[in-house]
């Protein structure tokens, strides 16, 4: 009888400790209840606190065997944020360039120099990225009490509105294992226009390159503005993977390693870009017979 009572007491004790362990909430678990704001002292500028995007995870690319790739083409294209379809790239509250710039300055992502021509060869330090596009001016001011001239050095940081275009490097390839023509984005680079002292356009400069596969986690946590629905959970990773943007081709891999603008001008450049796009589409289409 005593043994049975001791065994029963032991079982009740184990049940109590087990229930206590499950009742305690681990510190590393994120609370998904969206009705509780992050800061109770500040008013919530929404209906609920939206956190679902922050908890999303990015699916890894499916592995590709080298032996399964029998056709491949490298393409460089440009995304102009002034086009209607690309207006989310210039959304004033959180421009796409600001996302890349802040992440590179904070060390969340690695920025690569434009000297490698998009080959991700030379890395940039965060302070180097922060100084890009910034200008130093000297301004003469007057002391309000003594009326003496004072020279002040003013630093003008790069305005995100000055970034009108982005250059994208991607690879189109046909995978024999899945029998599909696929596209993988390799890199993205913001572009700015350079002008002389008289305000005349000189050339377009690449600020830096970012390696897209490494920034997918970052872009998956950044919401993109949806014209049709403010409650949409679309992120920048969704937009780029779904290719929901307008662009035009400026270069394909060729034996001369030259861009379209190096051998064509005017409307012929757009026609050549459209021709390259159709060749890629027709390549997959011609593989099948009906």
C-alpha atoms as a PDB file:
ATOM      1  CA  UNK A   1       0.000   0.000   0.000  1.00  0.00           C
ATOM      2  CA  UNK A   2       2.816   2.395   0.907  1.00  0.00           C
ATOM      3  CA  UNK A   3       4.587   1.602  -2.341  1.00  0.00           C
ATOM      4  CA  UNK A   4       1.437   2.392  -4.297  1.00  0.00           C
ATOM      5  CA  UNK A   5       0.999   5.717  -2.470  1.00  0.00           C
ATOM      6  CA  UNK A   6       4.648   6.645  -3.111  1.00  0.00           C
ATOM      7  CA  UNK A   7       4.284   5.767  -6.788  1.00  0.00           C
ATOM      8  CA  UNK A   8       1.082   7.838  -7.042  1.00  0.00           C
ATOM      9  CA  UNK A   9       2.776  10.799  -5.336  1.00  0.00           C
ATOM     10  CA  UNK A  10       5.724  10.545  -7.735  1.00  0.00           C
ATOM     11  CA  UNK A  11       3.404  10.523 -10.757  1.00  0.00           C
ATOM     12  CA  UNK A  12       1.514  13.591  -9.503  1.00  0.00           C
ATOM     13  CA  UNK A  13       4.806  15.397  -8.906  1.00  0.00           C
ATOM     14  CA  UNK A  14       6.031  14.634 -12.424  1.00  0.00           C
ATOM     15  CA  UNK A  15       2.749  15.845 -13.913  1.00  0.00           C
ATOM     16  CA  UNK A  16       3.057  19.097 -11.961  1.00  0.00           C
ATOM     17  CA  UNK A  17       6.618  19.796 -13.109  1.00  0.00           C
ATOM     18  CA  UNK A  18       5.759  18.904 -16.717  1.00  0.00           C
ATOM     19  CA  UNK A  19       2.790  21.265 -16.750  1.00  0.00           C
ATOM     20  CA  UNK A  20       4.935  24.016 -15.215  1.00  0.00           C
ATOM     21  CA  UNK A  21       7.603  23.554 -17.878  1.00  0.00           C
ATOM     22  CA  UNK A  22       5.088  23.843 -20.701  1.00  0.00           C
ATOM     23  CA  UNK A  23       3.391  26.806 -19.070  1.00  0.00           C
ATOM     24  CA  UNK A  24       6.624  28.832 -19.103  1.00  0.00           C
ATOM     25  CA  UNK A  25       7.179  30.614 -22.385  1.00  0.00           C
ATOM     26  CA  UNK A  26      10.727  30.465 -23.800  1.00  0.00           C
ATOM     27  CA  UNK A  27      12.405  33.780 -24.422  1.00  0.00           C
ATOM     28  CA  UNK A  28      13.308  32.990 -28.039  1.00  0.00           C
ATOM     29  CA  UNK A  29       9.721  32.414 -29.182  1.00  0.00           C
ATOM     30  CA  UNK A  30       8.218  35.383 -31.044  1.00  0.00           C
ATOM     31  CA  UNK A  31       4.736  36.422 -30.041  1.00  0.00           C
ATOM     32  CA  UNK A  32       2.503  36.434 -33.100  1.00  0.00           C
ATOM     33  CA  UNK A  33      -0.483  38.173 -31.517  1.00  0.00           C
ATOM     34  CA  UNK A  34      -0.868  41.247 -33.684  1.00  0.00           C
ATOM     35  CA  UNK A  35      -3.143  43.206 -31.366  1.00  0.00           C
ATOM     36  CA  UNK A  36      -0.323  44.046 -28.916  1.00  0.00           C
ATOM     37  CA  UNK A  37       1.774  47.043 -30.017  1.00  0.00           C
ATOM     38  CA  UNK A  38       5.556  47.135 -29.657  1.00  0.00           C
ATOM     39  CA  UNK A  39       5.527  50.362 -27.675  1.00  0.00           C
ATOM     40  CA  UNK A  40       2.483  50.945 -25.517  1.00  0.00           C
ATOM     41  CA  UNK A  41       3.438  54.595 -24.943  1.00  0.00           C
ATOM     42  CA  UNK A  42       3.006  55.509 -28.619  1.00  0.00           C
ATOM     43  CA  UNK A  43      -0.290  55.427 -30.508  1.00  0.00           C
ATOM     44  CA  UNK A  44      -0.650  52.706 -33.105  1.00  0.00           C
ATOM     45  CA  UNK A  45      -0.856  54.158 -36.615  1.00  0.00           C
ATOM     46  CA  UNK A  46      -2.892  51.220 -37.899  1.00  0.00           C
ATOM     47  CA  UNK A  47      -5.691  48.859 -36.963  1.00  0.00           C
ATOM     48  CA  UNK A  48      -3.372  46.134 -35.630  1.00  0.00           C
ATOM     49  CA  UNK A  49       0.368  45.721 -35.240  1.00  0.00           C
ATOM     50  CA  UNK A  50       1.499  43.877 -38.376  1.00  0.00           C
ATOM     51  CA  UNK A  51       4.310  41.419 -37.722  1.00  0.00           C
ATOM     52  CA  UNK A  52       3.646  38.560 -40.102  1.00  0.00           C
ATOM     53  CA  UNK A  53       6.193  39.805 -42.629  1.00  0.00           C
ATOM     54  CA  UNK A  54       8.938  39.831 -39.984  1.00  0.00           C
ATOM     55  CA  UNK A  55       8.301  36.156 -39.245  1.00  0.00           C
ATOM     56  CA  UNK A  56       8.437  34.928 -42.855  1.00  0.00           C
ATOM     57  CA  UNK A  57      11.184  32.599 -43.992  1.00  0.00           C
ATOM     58  CA  UNK A  58      12.688  32.437 -47.466  1.00  0.00           C
ATOM     59  CA  UNK A  59      12.613  29.152 -49.345  1.00  0.00           C
ATOM     60  CA  UNK A  60      16.007  28.113 -50.620  1.00  0.00           C
ATOM     61  CA  UNK A  61      16.568  27.689 -54.330  1.00  0.00           C
ATOM     62  CA  UNK A  62      16.288  24.142 -55.597  1.00  0.00           C
ATOM     63  CA  UNK A  63      19.725  22.607 -56.219  1.00  0.00           C
ATOM     64  CA  UNK A  64      20.860  22.594 -59.844  1.00  0.00           C
ATOM     65  CA  UNK A  65      23.389  20.129 -61.228  1.00  0.00           C
ATOM     66  CA  UNK A  66      25.951  21.488 -63.656  1.00  0.00           C
ATOM     67  CA  UNK A  67      25.378  18.477 -65.922  1.00  0.00           C
ATOM     68  CA  UNK A  68      21.669  19.434 -66.259  1.00  0.00           C
ATOM     69  CA  UNK A  69      22.399  22.891 -67.687  1.00  0.00           C
ATOM     70  CA  UNK A  70      22.885  22.637 -71.438  1.00  0.00           C
ATOM     71  CA  UNK A  71      22.022  26.260 -72.320  1.00  0.00           C
ATOM     72  CA  UNK A  72      22.743  29.498 -70.462  1.00  0.00           C
ATOM     73  CA  UNK A  73      22.704  33.212 -71.235  1.00  0.00           C
ATOM     74  CA  UNK A  74      23.809  36.126 -69.024  1.00  0.00           C
ATOM     75  CA  UNK A  75      21.647  39.228 -69.272  1.00  0.00           C
ATOM     76  CA  UNK A  76      22.034  42.761 -67.949  1.00  0.00           C
ATOM     77  CA  UNK A  77      18.882  44.858 -67.727  1.00  0.00           C
ATOM     78  CA  UNK A  78      17.829  48.249 -66.320  1.00  0.00           C
ATOM     79  CA  UNK A  79      14.841  49.054 -64.109  1.00  0.00           C
ATOM     80  CA  UNK A  80      13.707  52.674 -64.397  1.00  0.00           C
ATOM     81  CA  UNK A  81      11.772  53.732 -61.285  1.00  0.00           C
ATOM     82  CA  UNK A  82       9.991  56.481 -63.255  1.00  0.00           C
ATOM     83  CA  UNK A  83       7.952  53.939 -65.173  1.00  0.00           C
ATOM     84  CA  UNK A  84       4.435  53.440 -63.848  1.00  0.00           C
ATOM     85  CA  UNK A  85       4.911  49.760 -63.037  1.00  0.00           C
ATOM     86  CA  UNK A  86       8.118  50.515 -61.119  1.00  0.00           C
ATOM     87  CA  UNK A  87       6.753  53.313 -58.917  1.00  0.00           C
ATOM     88  CA  UNK A  88       6.982  51.128 -55.746  1.00  0.00           C
ATOM     89  CA  UNK A  89      10.789  51.294 -56.118  1.00  0.00           C
ATOM     90  CA  UNK A  90      10.565  55.044 -55.411  1.00  0.00           C
ATOM     91  CA  UNK A  91       7.940  54.877 -52.658  1.00  0.00           C
ATOM     92  CA  UNK A  92       8.880  57.947 -50.526  1.00  0.00           C
ATOM     93  CA  UNK A  93       8.288  56.296 -47.155  1.00  0.00           C
ATOM     94  CA  UNK A  94      10.766  53.487 -47.816  1.00  0.00           C
ATOM     95  CA  UNK A  95      12.517  53.588 -51.226  1.00  0.00           C
ATOM     96  CA  UNK A  96      14.214  50.455 -52.482  1.00  0.00           C
ATOM     97  CA  UNK A  97      17.566  52.255 -52.569  1.00  0.00           C
ATOM     98  CA  UNK A  98      17.221  53.242 -48.898  1.00  0.00           C
ATOM     99  CA  UNK A  99      16.716  49.580 -47.962  1.00  0.00           C
ATOM    100  CA  UNK A 100      19.950  48.572 -49.702  1.00  0.00           C
ATOM    101  CA  UNK A 101      21.914  51.592 -48.490  1.00  0.00           C
ATOM    102  CA  UNK A 102      20.925  51.274 -44.830  1.00  0.00           C
ATOM    103  CA  UNK A 103      21.610  47.532 -44.803  1.00  0.00           C
ATOM    104  CA  UNK A 104      25.053  48.034 -46.364  1.00  0.00           C
ATOM    105  CA  UNK A 105      25.969  50.816 -43.913  1.00  0.00           C
ATOM    106  CA  UNK A 106      24.803  48.749 -40.919  1.00  0.00           C
ATOM    107  CA  UNK A 107      26.770  45.723 -42.098  1.00  0.00           C
ATOM    108  CA  UNK A 108      23.697  43.547 -42.656  1.00  0.00           C
ATOM    109  CA  UNK A 109      24.681  42.910 -46.283  1.00  0.00           C
ATOM    110  CA  UNK A 110      27.931  43.098 -48.239  1.00  0.00           C
ATOM    111  CA  UNK A 111      28.368  45.742 -50.914  1.00  0.00           C
ATOM    112  CA  UNK A 112      30.759  45.187 -53.806  1.00  0.00           C
ATOM    113  CA  UNK A 113      32.697  47.749 -55.792  1.00  0.00           C
ATOM    114  CA  UNK A 114      31.716  48.635 -59.344  1.00  0.00           C
ATOM    115  CA  UNK A 115      35.334  48.119 -60.408  1.00  0.00           C
ATOM    116  CA  UNK A 116      34.721  44.400 -60.744  1.00  0.00           C
ATOM    117  CA  UNK A 117      32.066  45.085 -63.424  1.00  0.00           C
ATOM    118  CA  UNK A 118      29.432  43.193 -61.494  1.00  0.00           C
ATOM    119  CA  UNK A 119      31.599  40.162 -60.698  1.00  0.00           C
ATOM    120  CA  UNK A 120      31.472  40.679 -56.896  1.00  0.00           C
ATOM    121  CA  UNK A 121      35.258  40.803 -56.624  1.00  0.00           C
ATOM    122  CA  UNK A 122      36.039  43.765 -54.363  1.00  0.00           C
ATOM    123  CA  UNK A 123      34.093  44.286 -51.151  1.00  0.00           C
ATOM    124  CA  UNK A 124      33.343  47.710 -49.692  1.00  0.00           C
ATOM    125  CA  UNK A 125      33.483  48.759 -46.058  1.00  0.00           C
ATOM    126  CA  UNK A 126      30.334  50.284 -44.507  1.00  0.00           C
ATOM    127  CA  UNK A 127      31.994  53.716 -44.223  1.00  0.00           C
ATOM    128  CA  UNK A 128      32.898  53.586 -47.910  1.00  0.00           C
ATOM    129  CA  UNK A 129      29.275  52.928 -48.796  1.00  0.00           C
ATOM    130  CA  UNK A 130      28.115  55.748 -46.513  1.00  0.00           C
ATOM    131  CA  UNK A 131      30.382  58.243 -48.281  1.00  0.00           C
ATOM    132  CA  UNK A 132      29.192  57.302 -51.775  1.00  0.00           C
ATOM    133  CA  UNK A 133      27.367  60.045 -53.578  1.00  0.00           C
ATOM    134  CA  UNK A 134      27.991  62.508 -50.746  1.00  0.00           C
ATOM    135  CA  UNK A 135      29.499  65.903 -51.541  1.00  0.00           C
ATOM    136  CA  UNK A 136      31.369  68.427 -49.414  1.00  0.00           C
ATOM    137  CA  UNK A 137      30.575  72.130 -49.807  1.00  0.00           C
ATOM    138  CA  UNK A 138      31.895  75.230 -48.076  1.00  0.00           C
ATOM    139  CA  UNK A 139      29.288  77.766 -47.009  1.00  0.00           C
ATOM    140  CA  UNK A 140      30.005  81.326 -45.857  1.00  0.00           C
ATOM    141  CA  UNK A 141      27.856  82.412 -42.927  1.00  0.00           C
ATOM    142  CA  UNK A 142      27.794  85.495 -40.722  1.00  0.00           C
ATOM    143  CA  UNK A 143      27.929  85.568 -36.960  1.00  0.00           C
ATOM    144  CA  UNK A 144      24.669  87.229 -35.764  1.00  0.00           C
ATOM    145  CA  UNK A 145      26.502  89.109 -32.991  1.00  0.00           C
ATOM    146  CA  UNK A 146      29.849  90.122 -34.489  1.00  0.00           C
ATOM    147  CA  UNK A 147      28.809  90.007 -38.163  1.00  0.00           C
ATOM    148  CA  UNK A 148      32.065  88.270 -38.968  1.00  0.00           C
ATOM    149  CA  UNK A 149      32.313  85.846 -41.859  1.00  0.00           C
ATOM    150  CA  UNK A 150      32.575  82.167 -40.950  1.00  0.00           C
ATOM    151  CA  UNK A 151      33.332  79.296 -43.289  1.00  0.00           C
ATOM    152  CA  UNK A 152      31.467  76.084 -42.539  1.00  0.00           C
ATOM    153  CA  UNK A 153      31.938  72.714 -44.175  1.00  0.00           C
ATOM    154  CA  UNK A 154      28.608  71.113 -45.100  1.00  0.00           C
ATOM    155  CA  UNK A 155      28.187  67.472 -46.048  1.00  0.00           C
ATOM    156  CA  UNK A 156      25.406  66.739 -48.522  1.00  0.00           C
ATOM    157  CA  UNK A 157      24.312  63.114 -48.354  1.00  0.00           C
ATOM    158  CA  UNK A 158      22.925  61.323 -51.363  1.00  0.00           C
ATOM    159  CA  UNK A 159      19.218  61.880 -51.868  1.00  0.00           C
ATOM    160  CA  UNK A 160      17.351  58.607 -52.601  1.00  0.00           C
ATOM    161  CA  UNK A 161      15.326  60.508 -55.209  1.00  0.00           C
ATOM    162  CA  UNK A 162      18.524  60.921 -57.248  1.00  0.00           C
ATOM    163  CA  UNK A 163      18.606  57.169 -57.874  1.00  0.00           C
ATOM    164  CA  UNK A 164      16.375  56.826 -60.909  1.00  0.00           C
ATOM    165  CA  UNK A 165      17.514  53.465 -62.243  1.00  0.00           C
ATOM    166  CA  UNK A 166      18.826  50.089 -61.090  1.00  0.00           C
ATOM    167  CA  UNK A 167      20.975  47.692 -63.051  1.00  0.00           C
ATOM    168  CA  UNK A 168      20.269  43.972 -62.707  1.00  0.00           C
ATOM    169  CA  UNK A 169      22.461  41.012 -63.584  1.00  0.00           C
ATOM    170  CA  UNK A 170      20.744  37.679 -64.151  1.00  0.00           C
ATOM    171  CA  UNK A 171      21.266  34.268 -65.697  1.00  0.00           C
ATOM    172  CA  UNK A 172      18.735  32.510 -67.905  1.00  0.00           C
ATOM    173  CA  UNK A 173      19.274  28.760 -68.199  1.00  0.00           C
ATOM    174  CA  UNK A 174      17.443  25.615 -69.240  1.00  0.00           C
ATOM    175  CA  UNK A 175      17.389  22.820 -66.671  1.00  0.00           C
ATOM    176  CA  UNK A 176      17.139  19.363 -68.229  1.00  0.00           C
ATOM    177  CA  UNK A 177      16.106  17.760 -64.938  1.00  0.00           C
ATOM    178  CA  UNK A 178      12.952  19.898 -64.642  1.00  0.00           C
ATOM    179  CA  UNK A 179      12.656  20.676 -68.380  1.00  0.00           C
ATOM    180  CA  UNK A 180      12.123  24.343 -67.608  1.00  0.00           C
ATOM    181  CA  UNK A 181      13.687  27.609 -68.619  1.00  0.00           C
ATOM    182  CA  UNK A 182      14.586  29.395 -65.388  1.00  0.00           C
ATOM    183  CA  UNK A 183      16.015  32.755 -64.380  1.00  0.00           C
ATOM    184  CA  UNK A 184      18.187  33.535 -61.371  1.00  0.00           C
ATOM    185  CA  UNK A 185      19.003  37.102 -60.340  1.00  0.00           C
ATOM    186  CA  UNK A 186      22.665  37.461 -59.397  1.00  0.00           C
ATOM    187  CA  UNK A 187      23.106  41.123 -58.544  1.00  0.00           C
ATOM    188  CA  UNK A 188      21.490  44.553 -58.291  1.00  0.00           C
ATOM    189  CA  UNK A 189      23.236  47.928 -58.531  1.00  0.00           C
ATOM    190  CA  UNK A 190      21.805  51.441 -58.002  1.00  0.00           C
ATOM    191  CA  UNK A 191      22.737  54.048 -60.621  1.00  0.00           C
ATOM    192  CA  UNK A 192      23.105  57.830 -60.386  1.00  0.00           C
ATOM    193  CA  UNK A 193      23.726  60.493 -63.011  1.00  0.00           C
ATOM    194  CA  UNK A 194      26.914  62.544 -62.863  1.00  0.00           C
ATOM    195  CA  UNK A 195      26.900  66.174 -64.015  1.00  0.00           C
ATOM    196  CA  UNK A 196      29.599  68.753 -64.571  1.00  0.00           C
ATOM    197  CA  UNK A 197      29.782  72.149 -62.869  1.00  0.00           C
ATOM    198  CA  UNK A 198      27.406  73.621 -65.447  1.00  0.00           C
ATOM    199  CA  UNK A 199      24.751  70.954 -64.858  1.00  0.00           C
ATOM    200  CA  UNK A 200      25.405  69.070 -68.085  1.00  0.00           C
ATOM    201  CA  UNK A 201      24.999  65.301 -68.001  1.00  0.00           C
ATOM    202  CA  UNK A 202      28.300  63.408 -68.233  1.00  0.00           C
ATOM    203  CA  UNK A 203      27.729  59.722 -67.563  1.00  0.00           C
ATOM    204  CA  UNK A 204      25.845  57.208 -65.437  1.00  0.00           C
ATOM    205  CA  UNK A 205      27.698  55.834 -62.442  1.00  0.00           C
ATOM    206  CA  UNK A 206      27.241  52.520 -60.649  1.00  0.00           C
ATOM    207  CA  UNK A 207      27.331  53.115 -56.901  1.00  0.00           C
ATOM    208  CA  UNK A 208      27.819  49.519 -55.751  1.00  0.00           C
ATOM    209  CA  UNK A 209      26.654  45.974 -56.379  1.00  0.00           C
ATOM    210  CA  UNK A 210      24.836  43.664 -53.985  1.00  0.00           C
ATOM    211  CA  UNK A 211      24.733  39.889 -54.372  1.00  0.00           C
ATOM    212  CA  UNK A 212      21.039  39.067 -54.620  1.00  0.00           C
ATOM    213  CA  UNK A 213      21.059  35.506 -53.157  1.00  0.00           C
ATOM    214  CA  UNK A 214      22.587  36.949 -49.962  1.00  0.00           C
ATOM    215  CA  UNK A 215      20.009  39.710 -49.551  1.00  0.00           C
ATOM    216  CA  UNK A 216      16.875  37.622 -50.088  1.00  0.00           C
ATOM    217  CA  UNK A 217      16.358  37.257 -46.316  1.00  0.00           C
ATOM    218  CA  UNK A 218      16.558  41.020 -45.918  1.00  0.00           C
ATOM    219  CA  UNK A 219      14.175  41.751 -48.786  1.00  0.00           C
ATOM    220  CA  UNK A 220      11.709  39.157 -47.466  1.00  0.00           C
ATOM    221  CA  UNK A 221      11.291  41.298 -44.327  1.00  0.00           C
ATOM    222  CA  UNK A 222      10.644  44.521 -46.228  1.00  0.00           C
ATOM    223  CA  UNK A 223       7.091  45.134 -47.397  1.00  0.00           C
ATOM    224  CA  UNK A 224       6.511  46.556 -50.840  1.00  0.00           C
ATOM    225  CA  UNK A 225       3.700  48.994 -51.520  1.00  0.00           C
ATOM    226  CA  UNK A 226       0.742  47.364 -53.247  1.00  0.00           C
ATOM    227  CA  UNK A 227      -1.395  49.747 -55.287  1.00  0.00           C
ATOM    228  CA  UNK A 228      -4.459  47.522 -55.034  1.00  0.00           C
ATOM    229  CA  UNK A 229      -4.344  46.556 -51.343  1.00  0.00           C
ATOM    230  CA  UNK A 230      -2.602  48.212 -48.375  1.00  0.00           C
ATOM    231  CA  UNK A 231      -3.024  45.034 -46.319  1.00  0.00           C
ATOM    232  CA  UNK A 232      -1.023  43.000 -48.808  1.00  0.00           C
ATOM    233  CA  UNK A 233       1.868  40.981 -47.386  1.00  0.00           C
ATOM    234  CA  UNK A 234       3.957  41.175 -50.534  1.00  0.00           C
ATOM    235  CA  UNK A 235       7.640  41.824 -49.948  1.00  0.00           C
ATOM    236  CA  UNK A 236      10.506  42.904 -52.174  1.00  0.00           C
ATOM    237  CA  UNK A 237      11.620  39.302 -52.423  1.00  0.00           C
ATOM    238  CA  UNK A 238       8.167  38.376 -53.758  1.00  0.00           C
ATOM    239  CA  UNK A 239       8.198  41.219 -56.274  1.00  0.00           C
ATOM    240  CA  UNK A 240      11.607  40.314 -57.692  1.00  0.00           C
ATOM    241  CA  UNK A 241      11.028  36.560 -57.751  1.00  0.00           C
ATOM    242  CA  UNK A 242       7.659  37.034 -59.466  1.00  0.00           C
ATOM    243  CA  UNK A 243       9.327  39.531 -61.822  1.00  0.00           C
ATOM    244  CA  UNK A 244       6.612  42.100 -61.249  1.00  0.00           C
ATOM    245  CA  UNK A 245       8.595  44.995 -62.706  1.00  0.00           C
ATOM    246  CA  UNK A 246       9.252  46.637 -66.068  1.00  0.00           C
ATOM    247  CA  UNK A 247      12.765  46.632 -67.521  1.00  0.00           C
ATOM    248  CA  UNK A 248      14.748  46.552 -70.734  1.00  0.00           C
ATOM    249  CA  UNK A 249      17.887  44.681 -71.725  1.00  0.00           C
ATOM    250  CA  UNK A 250      21.141  46.584 -72.151  1.00  0.00           C
ATOM    251  CA  UNK A 251      23.548  43.680 -72.655  1.00  0.00           C
ATOM    252  CA  UNK A 252      23.749  39.968 -73.302  1.00  0.00           C
ATOM    253  CA  UNK A 253      26.859  37.822 -73.066  1.00  0.00           C
ATOM    254  CA  UNK A 254      28.772  38.139 -76.345  1.00  0.00           C
ATOM    255  CA  UNK A 255      32.245  37.542 -77.739  1.00  0.00           C
ATOM    256  CA  UNK A 256      33.019  41.284 -77.790  1.00  0.00           C
ATOM    257  CA  UNK A 257      31.772  41.828 -74.199  1.00  0.00           C
ATOM    258  CA  UNK A 258      30.018  45.010 -75.263  1.00  0.00           C
ATOM    259  CA  UNK A 259      26.685  46.584 -74.466  1.00  0.00           C
ATOM    260  CA  UNK A 260      23.969  47.372 -76.977  1.00  0.00           C
ATOM    261  CA  UNK A 261      24.718  51.088 -76.778  1.00  0.00           C
ATOM    262  CA  UNK A 262      28.268  50.407 -77.974  1.00  0.00           C
ATOM    263  CA  UNK A 263      27.116  49.424 -81.445  1.00  0.00           C
ATOM    264  CA  UNK A 264      23.559  50.804 -81.814  1.00  0.00           C
ATOM    265  CA  UNK A 265      21.836  54.103 -81.112  1.00  0.00           C
ATOM    266  CA  UNK A 266      18.328  55.493 -80.869  1.00  0.00           C
ATOM    267  CA  UNK A 267      15.349  53.260 -81.520  1.00  0.00           C
ATOM    268  CA  UNK A 268      17.644  50.502 -82.812  1.00  0.00           C
ATOM    269  CA  UNK A 269      18.812  49.910 -79.251  1.00  0.00           C
ATOM    270  CA  UNK A 270      15.256  49.216 -78.075  1.00  0.00           C
ATOM    271  CA  UNK A 271      14.605  46.964 -81.057  1.00  0.00           C
ATOM    272  CA  UNK A 272      17.787  44.996 -80.333  1.00  0.00           C
ATOM    273  CA  UNK A 273      16.794  44.591 -76.679  1.00  0.00           C
ATOM    274  CA  UNK A 274      13.374  43.334 -77.728  1.00  0.00           C
ATOM    275  CA  UNK A 275      15.027  40.942 -80.174  1.00  0.00           C
ATOM    276  CA  UNK A 276      17.185  39.427 -77.411  1.00  0.00           C
ATOM    277  CA  UNK A 277      14.107  38.990 -75.198  1.00  0.00           C
ATOM    278  CA  UNK A 278      12.244  37.191 -77.989  1.00  0.00           C
ATOM    279  CA  UNK A 279      15.220  34.928 -78.702  1.00  0.00           C
ATOM    280  CA  UNK A 280      15.200  33.726 -75.103  1.00  0.00           C
ATOM    281  CA  UNK A 281      11.461  33.074 -75.220  1.00  0.00           C
ATOM    282  CA  UNK A 282      11.655  31.325 -78.590  1.00  0.00           C
ATOM    283  CA  UNK A 283      14.496  29.113 -77.416  1.00  0.00           C
ATOM    284  CA  UNK A 284      12.266  27.372 -74.883  1.00  0.00           C
ATOM    285  CA  UNK A 285       9.275  27.405 -77.227  1.00  0.00           C
ATOM    286  CA  UNK A 286      11.215  25.709 -80.036  1.00  0.00           C
ATOM    287  CA  UNK A 287      12.279  22.846 -77.775  1.00  0.00           C
ATOM    288  CA  UNK A 288       8.743  21.469 -77.763  1.00  0.00           C
ATOM    289  CA  UNK A 289       6.797  19.980 -80.617  1.00  0.00           C
ATOM    290  CA  UNK A 290       3.011  19.811 -80.800  1.00  0.00           C
END
